[in-house]
C-alpha cells in the first residue's frame, strides 16, 4: 500500500494529487465520494452514474407510464396499425374492407 500526502487549505479544500486522480481514472469535472469507514479510515471512490443507478430516481409524469418497454411496444403496434390503414386506403380508395357475400344467386 502506498501513501500519498496532500494538504488542507484554509478553506478546507484538498488538492487530489495527479497520481491519485490517474489511479481513480477521474478528472475535472468528475465527482468523487468520500466513504467513511471504521475508526479513522476514509476511502476515496470515483462516482459513476449509469442509467441503472438513476432508474426510478424521478417519478413518472401524471398520466405517463413508467414501463418504457411497454411504451415502445404500444408505439410500434400503433404505428403498424396506422401504416396498414394507410396502405389499404391507398390501394382501394373508398373501400375500407372487402367482405365476401353469402348470396348464392350471384354465383354461376
PDB file of N, CA and C in Angstrom:
ATOM      1  N   UNK A   1       0.856  -1.172   0.000  1.00  0.00           N
ATOM      2  CA  UNK A   1       0.000   0.000   0.000  1.00  0.00           C
ATOM      3  C   UNK A   1       0.899   1.230   0.000  1.00  0.00           C
ATOM      4  N   UNK A   2       0.525   2.205  -0.823  1.00  0.00           N
ATOM      5  CA  UNK A   2       1.312   3.433  -0.959  1.00  0.00           C
ATOM      6  C   UNK A   2       0.543   4.596  -0.349  1.00  0.00           C
ATOM      7  N   UNK A   3       1.237   5.481   0.320  1.00  0.00           N
ATOM      8  CA  UNK A   3       0.617   6.656   0.920  1.00  0.00           C
ATOM      9  C   UNK A   3       1.011   7.891   0.142  1.00  0.00           C
ATOM     10  N   UNK A   4       0.012   8.694  -0.258  1.00  0.00           N
ATOM     11  CA  UNK A   4       0.254   9.952  -0.962  1.00  0.00           C
ATOM     12  C   UNK A   4      -0.342  11.053  -0.095  1.00  0.00           C
ATOM     13  N   UNK A   5       0.435  12.093   0.190  1.00  0.00           N
ATOM     14  CA  UNK A   5       0.033  13.141   1.130  1.00  0.00           C
ATOM     15  C   UNK A   5      -0.384  14.397   0.378  1.00  0.00           C
ATOM     16  N   UNK A   6      -1.427  15.071   0.899  1.00  0.00           N
ATOM     17  CA  UNK A   6      -1.886  16.347   0.368  1.00  0.00           C
ATOM     18  C   UNK A   6      -2.275  17.225   1.547  1.00  0.00           C
ATOM     19  N   UNK A   7      -2.204  18.537   1.375  1.00  0.00           N
ATOM     20  CA  UNK A   7      -2.517  19.475   2.459  1.00  0.00           C
ATOM     21  C   UNK A   7      -3.947  19.990   2.338  1.00  0.00           C
ATOM     22  N   UNK A   8      -4.496  20.391   3.477  1.00  0.00           N
ATOM     23  CA  UNK A   8      -5.823  21.009   3.536  1.00  0.00           C
ATOM     24  C   UNK A   8      -5.632  22.520   3.564  1.00  0.00           C
ATOM     25  N   UNK A   9      -6.352  23.243   2.682  1.00  0.00           N
ATOM     26  CA  UNK A   9      -6.231  24.708   2.635  1.00  0.00           C
ATOM     27  C   UNK A   9      -7.029  25.339   3.774  1.00  0.00           C
ATOM     28  N   UNK A  10      -6.902  26.666   3.915  1.00  0.00           N
ATOM     29  CA  UNK A  10      -7.659  27.403   4.940  1.00  0.00           C
ATOM     30  C   UNK A  10      -9.166  27.278   4.733  1.00  0.00           C
ATOM     31  N   UNK A  11      -9.568  27.060   3.493  1.00  0.00           N
ATOM     32  CA  UNK A  11     -10.994  26.925   3.178  1.00  0.00           C
ATOM     33  C   UNK A  11     -11.465  25.474   3.251  1.00  0.00           C
ATOM     34  N   UNK A  12     -10.599  24.554   3.678  1.00  0.00           N
ATOM     35  CA  UNK A  12     -10.976  23.153   3.813  1.00  0.00           C
ATOM     36  C   UNK A  12     -10.874  22.369   2.520  1.00  0.00           C
ATOM     37  N   UNK A  13     -10.226  22.933   1.543  1.00  0.00           N
ATOM     38  CA  UNK A  13     -10.075  22.261   0.251  1.00  0.00           C
ATOM     39  C   UNK A  13      -8.820  21.397   0.232  1.00  0.00           C
ATOM     40  N   UNK A  14      -8.925  20.288  -0.499  1.00  0.00           N
ATOM     41  CA  UNK A  14      -7.795  19.378  -0.647  1.00  0.00           C
ATOM     42  C   UNK A  14      -7.566  19.166  -2.134  1.00  0.00           C
ATOM     43  N   UNK A  15      -6.329  19.308  -2.560  1.00  0.00           N
ATOM     44  CA  UNK A  15      -5.977  19.001  -3.944  1.00  0.00           C
ATOM     45  C   UNK A  15      -5.666  17.516  -4.013  1.00  0.00           C
ATOM     46  N   UNK A  16      -6.340  16.839  -4.935  1.00  0.00           N
ATOM     47  CA  UNK A  16      -6.085  15.406  -5.103  1.00  0.00           C
ATOM     48  C   UNK A  16      -4.885  15.273  -6.031  1.00  0.00           C
ATOM     49  N   UNK A  17      -3.820  14.681  -5.551  1.00  0.00           N
ATOM     50  CA  UNK A  17      -2.614  14.572  -6.372  1.00  0.00           C
ATOM     51  C   UNK A  17      -2.871  13.831  -7.685  1.00  0.00           C
ATOM     52  N   UNK A  18      -2.118  14.198  -8.720  1.00  0.00           N
ATOM     53  CA  UNK A  18      -2.295  13.638 -10.057  1.00  0.00           C
ATOM     54  C   UNK A  18      -2.180  12.111 -10.039  1.00  0.00           C
ATOM     55  N   UNK A  19      -1.277  11.585  -9.232  1.00  0.00           N
ATOM     56  CA  UNK A  19      -1.112  10.133  -9.154  1.00  0.00           C
ATOM     57  C   UNK A  19      -2.393   9.452  -8.674  1.00  0.00           C
ATOM     58  N   UNK A  20      -3.064  10.066  -7.720  1.00  0.00           N
ATOM     59  CA  UNK A  20      -4.322   9.514  -7.189  1.00  0.00           C
ATOM     60  C   UNK A  20      -5.426   9.658  -8.225  1.00  0.00           C
ATOM     61  N   UNK A  21      -5.500  10.824  -8.884  1.00  0.00           N
ATOM     62  CA  UNK A  21      -6.523  11.024  -9.918  1.00  0.00           C
ATOM     63  C   UNK A  21      -6.367  10.012 -11.039  1.00  0.00           C
ATOM     64  N   UNK A  22      -5.151   9.775 -11.464  1.00  0.00           N
ATOM     65  CA  UNK A  22      -4.905   8.782 -12.518  1.00  0.00           C
ATOM     66  C   UNK A  22      -5.312   7.385 -12.056  1.00  0.00           C
ATOM     67  N   UNK A  23      -4.962   7.060 -10.820  1.00  0.00           N
ATOM     68  CA  UNK A  23      -5.294   5.740 -10.284  1.00  0.00           C
ATOM     69  C   UNK A  23      -6.815   5.525 -10.247  1.00  0.00           C
ATOM     70  N   UNK A  24      -7.554   6.584  -9.900  1.00  0.00           N
ATOM     71  CA  UNK A  24      -9.020   6.502  -9.841  1.00  0.00           C
ATOM     72  C   UNK A  24      -9.667   6.675 -11.216  1.00  0.00           C
ATOM     73  N   UNK A  25      -8.911   7.209 -12.172  1.00  0.00           N
ATOM     74  CA  UNK A  25      -9.468   7.450 -13.501  1.00  0.00           C
ATOM     75  C   UNK A  25     -10.419   8.622 -13.531  1.00  0.00           C
ATOM     76  N   UNK A  26     -10.134   9.652 -12.743  1.00  0.00           N
ATOM     77  CA  UNK A  26     -11.010  10.821 -12.676  1.00  0.00           C
ATOM     78  C   UNK A  26     -10.260  12.072 -13.119  1.00  0.00           C
ATOM     79  N   UNK A  27     -11.037  13.053 -13.544  1.00  0.00           N
ATOM     80  CA  UNK A  27     -10.507  14.365 -13.890  1.00  0.00           C
ATOM     81  C   UNK A  27     -11.656  15.356 -13.755  1.00  0.00           C
ATOM     82  N   UNK A  28     -11.355  16.637 -13.906  1.00  0.00           N
ATOM     83  CA  UNK A  28     -12.405  17.655 -13.822  1.00  0.00           C
ATOM     84  C   UNK A  28     -13.393  17.434 -14.954  1.00  0.00           C
ATOM     85  N   UNK A  29     -14.664  17.512 -14.778  1.00  0.00           N
ATOM     86  CA  UNK A  29     -15.439  17.846 -13.589  1.00  0.00           C
ATOM     87  C   UNK A  29     -16.022  16.615 -12.885  1.00  0.00           C
ATOM     88  N   UNK A  30     -15.343  15.469 -12.942  1.00  0.00           N
ATOM     89  CA  UNK A  30     -15.839  14.251 -12.296  1.00  0.00           C
ATOM     90  C   UNK A  30     -16.077  14.474 -10.807  1.00  0.00           C
ATOM     91  N   UNK A  31     -16.869  13.573 -10.236  1.00  0.00           N
ATOM     92  CA  UNK A  31     -17.139  13.628  -8.801  1.00  0.00           C
ATOM     93  C   UNK A  31     -16.467  12.436  -8.132  1.00  0.00           C
ATOM     94  N   UNK A  32     -16.124  12.634  -6.873  1.00  0.00           N
ATOM     95  CA  UNK A  32     -15.565  11.553  -6.072  1.00  0.00           C
ATOM     96  C   UNK A  32     -16.379  11.435  -4.793  1.00  0.00           C
ATOM     97  N   UNK A  33     -16.365  10.272  -4.196  1.00  0.00           N
ATOM     98  CA  UNK A  33     -17.084  10.040  -2.948  1.00  0.00           C
ATOM     99  C   UNK A  33     -16.078   9.753  -1.846  1.00  0.00           C
ATOM    100  N   UNK A  34     -16.324  10.336  -0.687  1.00  0.00           N
ATOM    101  CA  UNK A  34     -15.545  10.023   0.498  1.00  0.00           C
ATOM    102  C   UNK A  34     -16.359   9.002   1.287  1.00  0.00           C
ATOM    103  N   UNK A  35     -15.880   7.786   1.356  1.00  0.00           N
ATOM    104  CA  UNK A  35     -16.596   6.713   2.044  1.00  0.00           C
ATOM    105  C   UNK A  35     -15.974   6.550   3.429  1.00  0.00           C
ATOM    106  N   UNK A  36     -16.750   6.902   4.450  1.00  0.00           N
ATOM    107  CA  UNK A  36     -16.255   6.874   5.822  1.00  0.00           C
ATOM    108  C   UNK A  36     -16.443   5.476   6.387  1.00  0.00           C
ATOM    109  N   UNK A  37     -15.338   4.876   6.804  1.00  0.00           N
ATOM    110  CA  UNK A  37     -15.348   3.529   7.341  1.00  0.00           C
ATOM    111  C   UNK A  37     -15.183   3.523   8.841  1.00  0.00           C
ATOM    112  N   UNK A  38     -14.701   2.403   9.355  1.00  0.00           N
ATOM    113  CA  UNK A  38     -14.479   2.254  10.789  1.00  0.00           C
ATOM    114  C   UNK A  38     -13.317   3.132  11.247  1.00  0.00           C
ATOM    115  N   UNK A  39     -13.391   3.571  12.474  1.00  0.00           N
ATOM    116  CA  UNK A  39     -12.348   4.365  13.133  1.00  0.00           C
ATOM    117  C   UNK A  39     -11.971   5.584  12.302  1.00  0.00           C
ATOM    118  N   UNK A  40     -10.751   5.665  11.815  1.00  0.00           N
ATOM    119  CA  UNK A  40     -10.302   6.845  11.086  1.00  0.00           C
ATOM    120  C   UNK A  40     -10.071   6.557   9.612  1.00  0.00           C
ATOM    121  N   UNK A  41     -10.642   5.490   9.117  1.00  0.00           N
ATOM    122  CA  UNK A  41     -10.432   5.100   7.715  1.00  0.00           C
ATOM    123  C   UNK A  41     -11.462   5.792   6.808  1.00  0.00           C
ATOM    124  N   UNK A  42     -10.972   6.444   5.750  1.00  0.00           N
ATOM    125  CA  UNK A  42     -11.832   7.080   4.745  1.00  0.00           C
ATOM    126  C   UNK A  42     -11.309   6.662   3.375  1.00  0.00           C
ATOM    127  N   UNK A  43     -12.207   6.173   2.533  1.00  0.00           N
ATOM    128  CA  UNK A  43     -11.828   5.767   1.177  1.00  0.00           C
ATOM    129  C   UNK A  43     -12.289   6.823   0.180  1.00  0.00           C
ATOM    130  N   UNK A  44     -11.540   6.968  -0.866  1.00  0.00           N
ATOM    131  CA  UNK A  44     -11.877   7.875  -1.948  1.00  0.00           C
ATOM    132  C   UNK A  44     -12.293   7.016  -3.137  1.00  0.00           C
ATOM    133  N   UNK A  45     -13.513   7.222  -3.665  1.00  0.00           N
ATOM    134  CA  UNK A  45     -14.002   6.417  -4.785  1.00  0.00           C
ATOM    135  C   UNK A  45     -14.572   7.323  -5.870  1.00  0.00           C
ATOM    136  N   UNK A  46     -14.359   6.943  -7.131  1.00  0.00           N
ATOM    137  CA  UNK A  46     -14.998   7.719  -8.202  1.00  0.00           C
ATOM    138  C   UNK A  46     -16.495   7.440  -8.207  1.00  0.00           C
ATOM    139  N   UNK A  47     -17.269   8.458  -8.495  1.00  0.00           N
ATOM    140  CA  UNK A  47     -18.724   8.304  -8.592  1.00  0.00           C
ATOM    141  C   UNK A  47     -19.052   8.056 -10.050  1.00  0.00           C
ATOM    142  N   UNK A  48     -19.652   6.932 -10.333  1.00  0.00           N
ATOM    143  CA  UNK A  48     -20.021   6.568 -11.705  1.00  0.00           C
ATOM    144  C   UNK A  48     -21.540   6.487 -11.796  1.00  0.00           C
ATOM    145  N   UNK A  49     -22.102   7.282 -12.698  1.00  0.00           N
ATOM    146  CA  UNK A  49     -23.541   7.246 -12.924  1.00  0.00           C
ATOM    147  C   UNK A  49     -23.827   6.386 -14.140  1.00  0.00           C
ATOM    148  N   UNK A  50     -24.779   5.508 -13.997  1.00  0.00           N
ATOM    149  CA  UNK A  50     -25.271   4.716 -15.113  1.00  0.00           C
ATOM    150  C   UNK A  50     -26.782   4.876 -15.144  1.00  0.00           C
ATOM    151  N   UNK A  51     -27.398   4.454 -16.211  1.00  0.00           N
ATOM    152  CA  UNK A  51     -28.860   4.521 -16.267  1.00  0.00           C
ATOM    153  C   UNK A  51     -29.484   3.693 -15.154  1.00  0.00           C
ATOM    154  N   UNK A  52     -28.865   2.548 -14.854  1.00  0.00           N
ATOM    155  CA  UNK A  52     -29.394   1.699 -13.795  1.00  0.00           C
ATOM    156  C   UNK A  52     -29.314   2.379 -12.433  1.00  0.00           C
ATOM    157  N   UNK A  53     -28.258   3.175 -12.219  1.00  0.00           N
ATOM    158  CA  UNK A  53     -28.087   3.811 -10.914  1.00  0.00           C
ATOM    159  C   UNK A  53     -29.094   4.933 -10.677  1.00  0.00           C
ATOM    160  N   UNK A  54     -29.650   5.518 -11.747  1.00  0.00           N
ATOM    161  CA  UNK A  54     -30.609   6.601 -11.575  1.00  0.00           C
ATOM    162  C   UNK A  54     -32.044   6.181 -11.896  1.00  0.00           C
ATOM    163  N   UNK A  55     -32.222   4.923 -12.326  1.00  0.00           N
ATOM    164  CA  UNK A  55     -33.564   4.433 -12.653  1.00  0.00           C
ATOM    165  C   UNK A  55     -34.476   4.551 -11.441  1.00  0.00           C
ATOM    166  N   UNK A  56     -35.599   5.177 -11.631  1.00  0.00           N
ATOM    167  CA  UNK A  56     -36.561   5.330 -10.555  1.00  0.00           C
ATOM    168  C   UNK A  56     -36.294   6.525  -9.658  1.00  0.00           C
ATOM    169  N   UNK A  57     -35.258   7.294  -9.924  1.00  0.00           N
ATOM    170  CA  UNK A  57     -34.955   8.444  -9.073  1.00  0.00           C
ATOM    171  C   UNK A  57     -35.922   9.601  -9.319  1.00  0.00           C
ATOM    172  N   UNK A  58     -36.603   9.577 -10.464  1.00  0.00           N
ATOM    173  CA  UNK A  58     -37.592  10.606 -10.786  1.00  0.00           C
ATOM    174  C   UNK A  58     -38.916   9.906 -11.067  1.00  0.00           C
ATOM    175  N   UNK A  59     -39.957  10.387 -10.436  1.00  0.00           N
ATOM    176  CA  UNK A  59     -41.269   9.787 -10.642  1.00  0.00           C
ATOM    177  C   UNK A  59     -41.788  10.106 -12.042  1.00  0.00           C
ATOM    178  N   UNK A  60     -42.616   9.207 -12.570  1.00  0.00           N
ATOM    179  CA  UNK A  60     -43.225   9.425 -13.877  1.00  0.00           C
ATOM    180  C   UNK A  60     -44.175  10.612 -13.808  1.00  0.00           C
ATOM    181  N   UNK A  61     -44.338  11.293 -14.945  1.00  0.00           N
ATOM    182  CA  UNK A  61     -45.288  12.391 -15.026  1.00  0.00           C
ATOM    183  C   UNK A  61     -46.704  11.849 -14.877  1.00  0.00           C
ATOM    184  N   UNK A  62     -47.642  12.677 -14.431  1.00  0.00           N
ATOM    185  CA  UNK A  62     -49.028  12.216 -14.337  1.00  0.00           C
ATOM    186  C   UNK A  62     -49.521  11.717 -15.697  1.00  0.00           C
ATOM    187  N   UNK A  63     -50.263  10.650 -15.701  1.00  0.00           N
ATOM    188  CA  UNK A  63     -50.815  10.019 -16.903  1.00  0.00           C
ATOM    189  C   UNK A  63     -49.742   9.448 -17.817  1.00  0.00           C
ATOM    190  N   UNK A  64     -48.549   9.207 -17.321  1.00  0.00           N
ATOM    191  CA  UNK A  64     -47.467   8.620 -18.096  1.00  0.00           C
ATOM    192  C   UNK A  64     -47.077   7.294 -17.464  1.00  0.00           C
ATOM    193  N   UNK A  65     -46.652   6.374 -18.299  1.00  0.00           N
ATOM    194  CA  UNK A  65     -46.235   5.060 -17.835  1.00  0.00           C
ATOM    195  C   UNK A  65     -44.771   5.102 -17.414  1.00  0.00           C
ATOM    196  N   UNK A  66     -44.407   4.249 -16.463  1.00  0.00           N
ATOM    197  CA  UNK A  66     -43.000   4.133 -16.092  1.00  0.00           C
ATOM    198  C   UNK A  66     -42.375   2.904 -16.744  1.00  0.00           C
ATOM    199  N   UNK A  67     -43.191   2.159 -17.516  1.00  0.00           N
ATOM    200  CA  UNK A  67     -42.698   0.957 -18.183  1.00  0.00           C
ATOM    201  C   UNK A  67     -42.316   1.310 -19.617  1.00  0.00           C
ATOM    202  N   UNK A  68     -41.050   1.635 -19.842  1.00  0.00           N
ATOM    203  CA  UNK A  68     -40.578   2.078 -21.149  1.00  0.00           C
ATOM    204  C   UNK A  68     -40.730   0.987 -22.197  1.00  0.00           C
ATOM    205  N   UNK A  69     -40.462  -0.257 -21.833  1.00  0.00           N
ATOM    206  CA  UNK A  69     -40.604  -1.360 -22.791  1.00  0.00           C
ATOM    207  C   UNK A  69     -42.045  -1.468 -23.294  1.00  0.00           C
ATOM    208  N   UNK A  70     -43.009  -1.293 -22.398  1.00  0.00           N
ATOM    209  CA  UNK A  70     -44.413  -1.350 -22.796  1.00  0.00           C
ATOM    210  C   UNK A  70     -44.768  -0.154 -23.671  1.00  0.00           C
ATOM    211  N   UNK A  71     -44.237   1.012 -23.348  1.00  0.00           N
ATOM    212  CA  UNK A  71     -44.476   2.210 -24.165  1.00  0.00           C
ATOM    213  C   UNK A  71     -43.976   1.997 -25.591  1.00  0.00           C
ATOM    214  N   UNK A  72     -42.786   1.395 -25.733  1.00  0.00           N
ATOM    215  CA  UNK A  72     -42.209   1.136 -27.047  1.00  0.00           C
ATOM    216  C   UNK A  72     -43.064   0.131 -27.810  1.00  0.00           C
ATOM    217  N   UNK A  73     -43.486  -0.939 -27.143  1.00  0.00           N
ATOM    218  CA  UNK A  73     -44.326  -1.957 -27.788  1.00  0.00           C
ATOM    219  C   UNK A  73     -45.648  -1.351 -28.256  1.00  0.00           C
ATOM    220  N   UNK A  74     -46.264  -0.512 -27.412  1.00  0.00           N
ATOM    221  CA  UNK A  74     -47.523   0.140 -27.784  1.00  0.00           C
ATOM    222  C   UNK A  74     -47.332   1.069 -28.979  1.00  0.00           C
ATOM    223  N   UNK A  75     -46.228   1.823 -28.996  1.00  0.00           N
ATOM    224  CA  UNK A  75     -45.956   2.742 -30.101  1.00  0.00           C
ATOM    225  C   UNK A  75     -45.744   1.983 -31.401  1.00  0.00           C
ATOM    226  N   UNK A  76     -45.043   0.858 -31.345  1.00  0.00           N
ATOM    227  CA  UNK A  76     -44.841   0.049 -32.550  1.00  0.00           C
ATOM    228  C   UNK A  76     -46.160  -0.511 -33.066  1.00  0.00           C
ATOM    229  N   UNK A  77     -46.999  -0.984 -32.163  1.00  0.00           N
ATOM    230  CA  UNK A  77     -48.300  -1.534 -32.558  1.00  0.00           C
ATOM    231  C   UNK A  77     -49.173  -0.457 -33.203  1.00  0.00           C
ATOM    232  N   UNK A  78     -49.186   0.718 -32.620  1.00  0.00           N
ATOM    233  CA  UNK A  78     -49.966   1.826 -33.172  1.00  0.00           C
ATOM    234  C   UNK A  78     -49.445   2.229 -34.545  1.00  0.00           C
ATOM    235  N   UNK A  79     -48.121   2.324 -34.685  1.00  0.00           N
ATOM    236  CA  UNK A  79     -47.525   2.700 -35.972  1.00  0.00           C
ATOM    237  C   UNK A  79     -47.834   1.656 -37.045  1.00  0.00           C
ATOM    238  N   UNK A  80     -47.782   0.370 -36.688  1.00  0.00           N
ATOM    239  CA  UNK A  80     -48.079  -0.693 -37.653  1.00  0.00           C
ATOM    240  C   UNK A  80     -49.544  -0.627 -38.082  1.00  0.00           C
ATOM    241  N   UNK A  81     -50.450  -0.383 -37.140  1.00  0.00           N
ATOM    242  CA  UNK A  81     -51.872  -0.286 -37.464  1.00  0.00           C
ATOM    243  C   UNK A  81     -52.144   0.913 -38.376  1.00  0.00           C
ATOM    244  N   UNK A  82     -51.493   2.040 -38.088  1.00  0.00           N
ATOM    245  CA  UNK A  82     -51.678   3.225 -38.933  1.00  0.00           C
ATOM    246  C   UNK A  82     -51.117   3.004 -40.332  1.00  0.00           C
ATOM    247  N   UNK A  83     -49.983   2.336 -40.433  1.00  0.00           N
ATOM    248  CA  UNK A  83     -49.383   2.055 -41.735  1.00  0.00           C
ATOM    249  C   UNK A  83     -50.284   1.123 -42.536  1.00  0.00           C
ATOM    250  N   UNK A  84     -50.838   0.120 -41.882  1.00  0.00           N
ATOM    251  CA  UNK A  84     -51.734  -0.825 -42.553  1.00  0.00           C
ATOM    252  C   UNK A  84     -52.985  -0.101 -43.045  1.00  0.00           C
ATOM    253  N   UNK A  85     -53.525   0.786 -42.210  1.00  0.00           N
ATOM    254  CA  UNK A  85     -54.719   1.537 -42.607  1.00  0.00           C
ATOM    255  C   UNK A  85     -54.421   2.431 -43.811  1.00  0.00           C
ATOM    256  N   UNK A  86     -53.268   3.085 -43.813  1.00  0.00           N
ATOM    257  CA  UNK A  86     -52.900   3.941 -44.945  1.00  0.00           C
ATOM    258  C   UNK A  86     -52.713   3.126 -46.213  1.00  0.00           C
ATOM    259  N   UNK A  87     -52.087   1.968 -46.118  1.00  0.00           N
ATOM    260  CA  UNK A  87     -51.836   1.160 -47.314  1.00  0.00           C
ATOM    261  C   UNK A  87     -53.139   0.596 -47.873  1.00  0.00           C
ATOM    262  N   UNK A  88     -54.085   0.246 -47.038  1.00  0.00           N
ATOM    263  CA  UNK A  88     -55.382  -0.250 -47.522  1.00  0.00           C
ATOM    264  C   UNK A  88     -56.135   0.835 -48.262  1.00  0.00           C
ATOM    265  N   UNK A  89     -56.117   2.037 -47.758  1.00  0.00           N
ATOM    266  CA  UNK A  89     -56.832   3.135 -48.407  1.00  0.00           C
ATOM    267  C   UNK A  89     -56.124   3.585 -49.679  1.00  0.00           C
ATOM    268  N   UNK A  90     -54.843   3.460 -49.757  1.00  0.00           N
ATOM    269  CA  UNK A  90     -54.105   3.893 -50.942  1.00  0.00           C
ATOM    270  C   UNK A  90     -54.380   2.969 -52.125  1.00  0.00           C
ATOM    271  N   UNK A  91     -54.510   1.671 -51.878  1.00  0.00           N
ATOM    272  CA  UNK A  91     -54.749   0.719 -52.960  1.00  0.00           C
ATOM    273  C   UNK A  91     -56.187   0.756 -53.460  1.00  0.00           C
ATOM    274  N   UNK A  92     -57.111   0.905 -52.532  1.00  0.00           N
ATOM    275  CA  UNK A  92     -58.531   0.877 -52.887  1.00  0.00           C
ATOM    276  C   UNK A  92     -59.250   2.040 -52.210  1.00  0.00           C
ATOM    277  N   UNK A  93     -59.152   3.239 -52.786  1.00  0.00           N
ATOM    278  CA  UNK A  93     -59.803   4.395 -52.154  1.00  0.00           C
ATOM    279  C   UNK A  93     -61.305   4.171 -52.010  1.00  0.00           C
ATOM    280  N   UNK A  94     -61.831   4.535 -50.883  1.00  0.00           N
ATOM    281  CA  UNK A  94     -63.258   4.405 -50.637  1.00  0.00           C
ATOM    282  C   UNK A  94     -63.671   3.036 -50.114  1.00  0.00           C
ATOM    283  N   UNK A  95     -62.798   2.046 -50.180  1.00  0.00           N
ATOM    284  CA  UNK A  95     -63.119   0.710 -49.683  1.00  0.00           C
ATOM    285  C   UNK A  95     -62.293   0.473 -48.432  1.00  0.00           C
ATOM    286  N   UNK A  96     -62.982   0.206 -47.348  1.00  0.00           N
ATOM    287  CA  UNK A  96     -62.260   0.000 -46.103  1.00  0.00           C
ATOM    288  C   UNK A  96     -61.929  -1.466 -45.875  1.00  0.00           C
ATOM    289  N   UNK A  97     -62.817  -2.379 -46.251  1.00  0.00           N
ATOM    290  CA  UNK A  97     -62.553  -3.796 -46.063  1.00  0.00           C
ATOM    291  C   UNK A  97     -63.417  -4.606 -47.026  1.00  0.00           C
ATOM    292  N   UNK A  98     -62.837  -5.607 -47.646  1.00  0.00           N
ATOM    293  CA  UNK A  98     -63.570  -6.476 -48.543  1.00  0.00           C
ATOM    294  C   UNK A  98     -64.258  -7.550 -47.731  1.00  0.00           C
ATOM    295  N   UNK A  99     -65.561  -7.746 -48.002  1.00  0.00           N
ATOM    296  CA  UNK A  99     -66.323  -8.787 -47.302  1.00  0.00           C
ATOM    297  C   UNK A  99     -66.980  -9.669 -48.331  1.00  0.00           C
ATOM    298  N   UNK A 100     -66.756 -10.958 -48.257  1.00  0.00           N
ATOM    299  CA  UNK A 100     -67.430 -11.872 -49.205  1.00  0.00           C
ATOM    300  C   UNK A 100     -68.926 -11.892 -48.935  1.00  0.00           C
ATOM    301  N   UNK A 101     -69.687 -11.970 -50.001  1.00  0.00           N
ATOM    302  CA  UNK A 101     -71.141 -12.065 -49.838  1.00  0.00           C
ATOM    303  C   UNK A 101     -71.540 -13.519 -49.718  1.00  0.00           C
ATOM    304  N   UNK A 102     -72.642 -13.735 -49.075  1.00  0.00           N
ATOM    305  CA  UNK A 102     -73.156 -15.105 -48.915  1.00  0.00           C
ATOM    306  C   UNK A 102     -74.382 -15.311 -49.794  1.00  0.00           C
ATOM    307  N   UNK A 103     -74.467 -14.501 -50.820  1.00  0.00           N
ATOM    308  CA  UNK A 103     -75.623 -14.562 -51.716  1.00  0.00           C
ATOM    309  C   UNK A 103     -75.343 -15.569 -52.837  1.00  0.00           C
ATOM    310  N   UNK A 104     -76.017 -16.702 -52.828  1.00  0.00           N
ATOM    311  CA  UNK A 104     -75.782 -17.753 -53.814  1.00  0.00           C
ATOM    312  C   UNK A 104     -76.353 -17.387 -55.174  1.00  0.00           C
ATOM    313  N   UNK A 105     -77.246 -16.381 -55.268  1.00  0.00           N
ATOM    314  CA  UNK A 105     -77.837 -16.015 -56.557  1.00  0.00           C
ATOM    315  C   UNK A 105     -76.839 -15.317 -57.462  1.00  0.00           C
ATOM    316  N   UNK A 106     -75.758 -14.817 -56.914  1.00  0.00           N
ATOM    317  CA  UNK A 106     -74.776 -14.134 -57.744  1.00  0.00           C
ATOM    318  C   UNK A 106     -73.761 -15.085 -58.320  1.00  0.00           C
ATOM    319  N   UNK A 107     -73.786 -16.348 -57.903  1.00  0.00           N
ATOM    320  CA  UNK A 107     -72.822 -17.330 -58.422  1.00  0.00           C
ATOM    321  C   UNK A 107     -73.372 -17.993 -59.685  1.00  0.00           C
ATOM    322  N   UNK A 108     -72.532 -18.409 -60.581  1.00  0.00           N
ATOM    323  CA  UNK A 108     -72.965 -19.047 -61.827  1.00  0.00           C
ATOM    324  C   UNK A 108     -73.145 -20.517 -61.651  1.00  0.00           C
TER     325      UNK A 108
END
